[in-house]
Amino acid sequence: MKSFVLAVVFAVVAAFGASLVLEGFQRPVDTAYSTGGVRL
């Protein structure tokens, strides 16, 4: 039971850390999909 709780806590911490890291890689939609022929 102790190892299960530890695994759940680790999964939550890992998911939160991954969301913080991936948030830095996201670009706003106006810069991600803008080319010469696109007007937003």
Protein backbone atom coordinates (compact mmCIF):
# COMPACT_ATOMS: atom_id res chain seq x y z
CA MET A 1 0.00 0.00 0.00
CA LYS A 2 2.84 2.36 0.82
CA SER A 3 4.47 1.78 -2.57
CA PHE A 4 1.15 2.43 -4.35
CA VAL A 5 0.72 5.79 -2.62
CA LEU A 6 4.31 6.66 -3.43
CA ALA A 7 3.74 5.76 -7.10
CA VAL A 8 0.62 7.92 -7.26
CA VAL A 9 2.44 10.87 -5.67
CA PHE A 10 5.32 10.43 -8.11
CA ALA A 11 2.90 10.31 -11.08
CA VAL A 12 1.25 13.55 -9.97
CA VAL A 13 4.58 15.30 -9.46
CA ALA A 14 5.90 14.05 -12.82
CA ALA A 15 2.75 15.19 -14.64
CA PHE A 16 2.92 18.62 -13.04
CA GLY A 17 6.60 18.98 -13.91
CA ALA A 18 5.98 17.88 -17.50
CA SER A 19 3.18 20.42 -17.85
CA LEU A 20 5.50 23.20 -16.68
CA VAL A 21 8.23 22.14 -19.12
CA LEU A 22 5.88 21.76 -22.07
CA GLU A 23 4.23 25.10 -21.37
CA GLY A 24 7.50 26.79 -22.26
CA PHE A 25 7.56 25.15 -25.70
CA GLN A 26 4.08 26.28 -26.76
CA ARG A 27 3.67 29.21 -29.12
CA PRO A 28 0.63 31.45 -29.50
CA VAL A 29 -1.61 30.57 -32.42
CA ASP A 30 -0.86 33.80 -34.28
CA THR A 31 2.86 32.98 -34.43
CA ALA A 32 2.51 29.22 -34.87
CA TYR A 33 0.26 29.38 -37.93
CA SER A 34 1.32 32.63 -39.56
CA THR A 35 2.81 32.54 -43.03
CA GLY A 36 2.93 35.06 -45.83
CA GLY A 37 -0.61 34.26 -47.03
CA VAL A 38 -2.36 33.99 -43.67
CA ARG A 39 -4.06 36.92 -41.99
CA LEU A 40 -5.34 36.51 -38.44
